[in-house]
């Protein structure tokens, strides 16, 4: 290592507040900076290494067989910096960056930075939470007690269950008099039986004092509702504009052009 990195360079790498693994041209680890001590503890149950010294001489590509070959291929492609989101040992999610540097002897050194090393399950839960928000966002309208839930994309049974949950919670939490559910952006209805739930949503929300208004129902969607013999005990409109005008009228307001 002394012939590749001098003491000044080592001191500089140790001062950097990121997890750094330094490798030689054969991808063997020659240095881990001081900041990486915490990462070493995280990886110890999988690597069996409890100190930086135990990593020295090991191939970076052999630490995790699942990711090692992909890392090697990325390095050999020769396009730097290499950036990737990887999962270590099916447990830790990390943002990895590989940079190549040549020293005074024209030897290649690979500096591998591990950023945001977090529990993979935590990452998944964060992703699921974000997806759940996208399932059915609730938007405030021009009226304080009238809210809008625009539905976009594919409607599935699981998604509908989440929509019902969000509709009940948000309507109660905001003390909404009206909830407009707009289907204009819905592209696919995954299950014909879903149409039968429209009546359930209306009756459930009525119990907490919220009236549902449906808007943006496509011709195909309407045909499915009729075919199922579903009764929708509420007002329906072709567009959101018509629905909000109706809500304004019911609340004693009138929309006018200015």
Protein backbone atom coordinates (compact mmCIF):
# COMPACT_ATOMS: atom_id res chain seq x y z
CA UNK A 1 0.00 0.00 0.00
CA UNK A 2 2.90 2.35 0.75
CA UNK A 3 3.92 2.31 -2.94
CA UNK A 4 0.44 3.28 -4.06
CA UNK A 5 -0.70 5.85 -1.47
CA UNK A 6 1.50 8.15 0.54
CA UNK A 7 0.73 9.23 4.08
CA UNK A 8 -0.66 12.59 3.03
CA UNK A 9 -3.15 10.92 0.70
CA UNK A 10 -4.16 8.45 3.41
CA UNK A 11 -4.72 11.29 5.87
CA UNK A 12 -6.89 13.09 3.32
CA UNK A 13 -9.03 9.99 2.71
CA UNK A 14 -9.45 9.48 6.47
CA UNK A 15 -10.73 13.04 6.80
CA UNK A 16 -13.58 12.46 4.34
CA UNK A 17 -16.96 11.88 5.98
CA UNK A 18 -18.06 9.04 3.71
CA UNK A 19 -17.50 5.28 3.73
CA UNK A 20 -14.52 4.79 1.41
CA UNK A 21 -13.03 1.50 0.21
CA UNK A 22 -9.82 1.96 -1.79
CA UNK A 23 -8.85 -0.80 -4.22
CA UNK A 24 -5.87 -1.46 -6.50
CA UNK A 25 -5.90 -2.47 -10.17
CA UNK A 26 -6.81 -6.07 -9.24
CA UNK A 27 -9.79 -4.81 -7.19
CA UNK A 28 -8.07 -5.83 -3.95
CA UNK A 29 -8.84 -3.62 -0.98
CA UNK A 30 -5.81 -1.64 0.17
CA UNK A 31 -7.46 0.84 2.52
CA UNK A 32 -10.69 1.62 4.34
CA UNK A 33 -10.92 5.12 5.71
CA UNK A 34 -11.68 5.84 9.36
CA UNK A 35 -15.28 6.84 8.67
CA UNK A 36 -16.07 3.32 7.45
CA UNK A 37 -15.79 1.81 10.96
CA UNK A 38 -19.54 2.09 11.48
CA UNK A 39 -20.24 0.37 8.14
CA UNK A 40 -17.87 -2.45 9.10
CA UNK A 41 -19.95 -3.13 12.21
CA UNK A 42 -23.11 -3.29 10.09
CA UNK A 43 -21.53 -5.79 7.72
CA UNK A 44 -19.79 -7.91 10.34
CA UNK A 45 -22.60 -10.51 10.68
CA UNK A 46 -22.26 -11.20 6.93
CA UNK A 47 -18.53 -10.79 6.31
CA UNK A 48 -17.18 -12.03 9.64
CA UNK A 49 -14.76 -9.07 9.61
CA UNK A 50 -14.72 -6.85 12.70
CA UNK A 51 -11.87 -4.52 11.76
CA UNK A 52 -10.56 -2.62 8.75
CA UNK A 53 -7.37 -4.69 8.74
CA UNK A 54 -9.30 -7.88 7.99
CA UNK A 55 -10.54 -6.40 4.71
CA UNK A 56 -7.06 -5.62 3.40
CA UNK A 57 -6.09 -7.88 0.50
CA UNK A 58 -9.65 -9.09 -0.10
CA UNK A 59 -11.27 -8.53 -3.47
CA UNK A 60 -14.07 -5.99 -3.35
CA UNK A 61 -15.89 -8.17 -5.89
CA UNK A 62 -15.90 -11.16 -3.53
CA UNK A 63 -17.49 -9.44 -0.52
CA UNK A 64 -21.02 -9.97 -1.84
CA UNK A 65 -21.26 -12.55 -4.65
CA UNK A 66 -24.66 -11.21 -5.71
CA UNK A 67 -23.34 -7.71 -6.36
CA UNK A 68 -19.62 -8.38 -6.93
CA UNK A 69 -19.76 -9.47 -10.55
CA UNK A 70 -22.00 -6.57 -11.50
CA UNK A 71 -19.56 -4.21 -9.78
CA UNK A 72 -16.61 -5.74 -11.63
CA UNK A 73 -18.37 -5.45 -14.98
CA UNK A 74 -19.22 -1.81 -14.30
CA UNK A 75 -15.60 -1.00 -13.45
CA UNK A 76 -14.25 -2.82 -16.48
CA UNK A 77 -16.60 -0.83 -18.71
CA UNK A 78 -14.29 2.08 -17.96
CA UNK A 79 -16.95 4.79 -17.76
CA UNK A 80 -16.47 6.79 -14.57
CA UNK A 81 -17.89 7.67 -12.21
CA UNK A 82 -19.91 4.49 -11.85
CA UNK A 83 -23.09 5.10 -9.86
CA UNK A 84 -25.53 2.43 -8.75
CA UNK A 85 -28.14 1.55 -6.13
CA UNK A 86 -27.27 -1.86 -4.70
CA UNK A 87 -28.38 -4.20 -1.95
CA UNK A 88 -25.68 -5.77 0.20
CA UNK A 89 -26.37 -9.29 1.48
CA UNK A 90 -30.09 -8.75 0.81
CA UNK A 91 -30.07 -6.58 3.93
CA UNK A 92 -28.48 -3.17 3.37
CA UNK A 93 -29.45 -0.72 0.64
CA UNK A 94 -26.71 1.67 -0.46
CA UNK A 95 -25.86 4.25 -3.10
CA UNK A 96 -22.46 3.29 -4.52
CA UNK A 97 -20.09 5.49 -6.50
CA UNK A 98 -16.81 4.28 -8.04
CA UNK A 99 -14.17 6.73 -9.19
CA UNK A 100 -10.83 5.89 -10.80
CA UNK A 101 -7.66 7.79 -10.00
CA UNK A 102 -4.11 7.29 -11.25
CA UNK A 103 -1.16 7.95 -8.99
CA UNK A 104 2.29 9.22 -9.93
CA UNK A 105 3.31 5.74 -11.11
CA UNK A 106 0.31 5.61 -13.46
CA UNK A 107 -1.29 2.91 -11.34
CA UNK A 108 -5.09 2.84 -11.25
CA UNK A 109 -6.77 3.20 -7.88
CA UNK A 110 -10.49 2.70 -7.45
CA UNK A 111 -12.24 4.77 -4.79
CA UNK A 112 -15.56 3.21 -3.87
CA UNK A 113 -17.94 5.37 -1.87
CA UNK A 114 -20.87 3.83 0.02
CA UNK A 115 -23.55 6.41 0.76
CA UNK A 116 -26.85 6.21 2.64
CA UNK A 117 -26.33 2.62 3.80
CA UNK A 118 -29.69 1.84 5.37
CA UNK A 119 -31.72 -1.22 6.24
CA UNK A 120 -33.23 -2.58 3.04
CA UNK A 121 -36.54 -3.30 4.78
CA UNK A 122 -36.71 0.34 5.87
CA UNK A 123 -36.16 1.37 2.26
CA UNK A 124 -38.99 -0.88 1.14
CA UNK A 125 -41.36 0.48 3.77
CA UNK A 126 -40.55 4.04 2.71
CA UNK A 127 -41.30 3.08 -0.88
CA UNK A 128 -44.56 1.43 0.11
CA UNK A 129 -45.57 4.49 2.12
CA UNK A 130 -44.94 6.72 -0.89
CA UNK A 131 -46.95 4.40 -3.13
CA UNK A 132 -49.82 4.45 -0.68
CA UNK A 133 -49.91 8.25 -0.86
CA UNK A 134 -50.05 7.98 -4.65
CA UNK A 135 -52.91 5.49 -4.41
CA UNK A 136 -55.37 8.28 -3.72
CA UNK A 137 -54.18 11.80 -2.94
CA UNK A 138 -56.73 14.03 -1.23
CA UNK A 139 -56.79 17.64 -2.42
CA UNK A 140 -58.46 20.66 -0.85
CA UNK A 141 -60.89 22.48 -3.15
CA UNK A 142 -62.00 26.12 -3.13
CA UNK A 143 -64.49 25.20 -0.40
CA UNK A 144 -63.13 24.41 3.05
CA UNK A 145 -65.31 21.35 3.62
CA UNK A 146 -65.24 19.97 0.08
CA UNK A 147 -62.31 17.73 -0.83
CA UNK A 148 -61.24 16.00 -4.03
CA UNK A 149 -59.78 12.53 -4.55
CA UNK A 150 -58.55 12.12 -8.17
CA UNK A 151 -58.12 8.49 -9.26
CA UNK A 152 -55.52 7.77 -11.93
CA UNK A 153 -54.03 4.69 -13.58
CA UNK A 154 -55.18 1.14 -12.92
CA UNK A 155 -57.85 0.36 -10.35
CA UNK A 156 -57.26 -2.94 -8.56
CA UNK A 157 -59.01 -4.59 -5.65
CA UNK A 158 -56.07 -3.87 -3.30
CA UNK A 159 -55.91 -0.28 -4.42
CA UNK A 160 -59.64 0.18 -3.91
CA UNK A 161 -59.36 -1.10 -0.34
CA UNK A 162 -56.68 1.52 0.31
CA UNK A 163 -58.80 4.22 -1.33
CA UNK A 164 -61.75 3.39 0.94
CA UNK A 165 -59.47 3.59 3.97
CA UNK A 166 -58.02 6.95 2.92
CA UNK A 167 -61.45 8.35 2.01
CA UNK A 168 -62.87 7.52 5.44
CA UNK A 169 -59.87 8.83 7.33
CA UNK A 170 -59.45 12.08 5.38
CA UNK A 171 -63.17 12.88 5.32
CA UNK A 172 -63.45 12.42 9.07
CA UNK A 173 -60.19 14.20 9.80
CA UNK A 174 -61.10 17.22 7.66
CA UNK A 175 -64.77 17.16 8.64
CA UNK A 176 -65.71 17.20 4.98
CA UNK A 177 -69.29 17.73 3.91
CA UNK A 178 -68.54 16.50 0.40
CA UNK A 179 -65.90 14.21 -1.10
CA UNK A 180 -65.62 14.37 -4.89
CA UNK A 181 -64.06 11.20 -6.29
CA UNK A 182 -62.98 11.90 -9.85
CA UNK A 183 -62.26 8.97 -12.20
CA UNK A 184 -61.18 11.00 -15.23
CA UNK A 185 -57.58 9.75 -15.03
CA UNK A 186 -58.45 6.09 -14.45
CA UNK A 187 -57.23 4.05 -17.42
CA UNK A 188 -57.91 0.43 -16.45
CA UNK A 189 -60.49 -1.29 -14.26
CA UNK A 190 -58.80 -4.51 -13.15
CA UNK A 191 -61.88 -6.23 -11.70
CA UNK A 192 -65.50 -5.75 -12.80
CA UNK A 193 -66.73 -6.44 -9.26
CA UNK A 194 -65.06 -3.21 -8.13
CA UNK A 195 -68.04 -1.26 -9.45
CA UNK A 196 -70.17 -2.80 -6.70
CA UNK A 197 -67.99 -1.06 -4.12
CA UNK A 198 -69.09 2.40 -5.26
CA UNK A 199 -72.31 1.98 -3.33
CA UNK A 200 -70.42 0.77 -0.24
CA UNK A 201 -68.17 3.84 -0.31
CA UNK A 202 -71.20 6.16 -0.42
CA UNK A 203 -72.97 4.49 2.48
CA UNK A 204 -69.81 4.26 4.61
CA UNK A 205 -69.05 7.95 4.23
CA UNK A 206 -72.65 8.92 4.88
CA UNK A 207 -72.26 7.43 8.34
CA UNK A 208 -69.66 10.09 9.19
CA UNK A 209 -71.62 12.91 7.58
CA UNK A 210 -69.79 13.09 4.25
CA UNK A 211 -71.64 12.97 0.93
CA UNK A 212 -69.77 11.38 -1.97
CA UNK A 213 -69.99 12.83 -5.47
CA UNK A 214 -68.63 10.82 -8.40
CA UNK A 215 -67.29 12.52 -11.52
CA UNK A 216 -65.40 11.56 -14.67
CA UNK A 217 -67.02 8.14 -15.11
CA UNK A 218 -66.13 6.80 -18.56
CA UNK A 219 -68.73 5.23 -20.85
CA UNK A 220 -67.15 1.81 -20.32
CA UNK A 221 -67.19 2.26 -16.56
CA UNK A 222 -70.86 3.26 -16.66
CA UNK A 223 -71.69 0.18 -18.76
CA UNK A 224 -70.02 -2.03 -16.17
CA UNK A 225 -71.99 -0.37 -13.39
CA UNK A 226 -75.24 -0.96 -15.26
CA UNK A 227 -74.25 -4.52 -16.12
CA UNK A 228 -73.60 -5.29 -12.46
CA UNK A 229 -76.96 -3.83 -11.49
CA UNK A 230 -75.18 -1.52 -9.04
CA UNK A 231 -77.17 1.31 -7.51
CA UNK A 232 -75.19 4.46 -6.78
CA UNK A 233 -77.07 6.48 -4.14
CA UNK A 234 -75.43 9.81 -4.92
CA UNK A 235 -74.94 12.45 -7.59
CA UNK A 236 -72.68 11.70 -10.57
CA UNK A 237 -71.25 14.13 -13.10
CA UNK A 238 -69.31 13.93 -16.34
CA UNK A 239 -66.58 16.32 -15.16
CA UNK A 240 -65.05 17.64 -11.97
CA UNK A 241 -66.13 21.16 -12.94
CA UNK A 242 -69.77 20.11 -12.91
CA UNK A 243 -69.28 18.32 -9.59
CA UNK A 244 -67.71 21.33 -7.87
CA UNK A 245 -70.45 23.60 -9.25
CA UNK A 246 -73.03 21.29 -7.72
CA UNK A 247 -71.24 21.31 -4.36
CA UNK A 248 -71.03 25.11 -4.43
CA UNK A 249 -74.73 25.36 -5.17
CA UNK A 250 -75.59 22.98 -2.33
CA UNK A 251 -73.44 25.06 0.04
CA UNK A 252 -75.17 28.27 -1.05
CA UNK A 253 -72.34 29.58 -3.25
CA UNK A 254 -72.26 30.40 -6.94
CA UNK A 255 -69.27 30.32 -9.27
CA UNK A 256 -69.13 33.37 -11.49
CA UNK A 257 -66.74 34.57 -14.18
CA UNK A 258 -64.67 37.63 -13.29
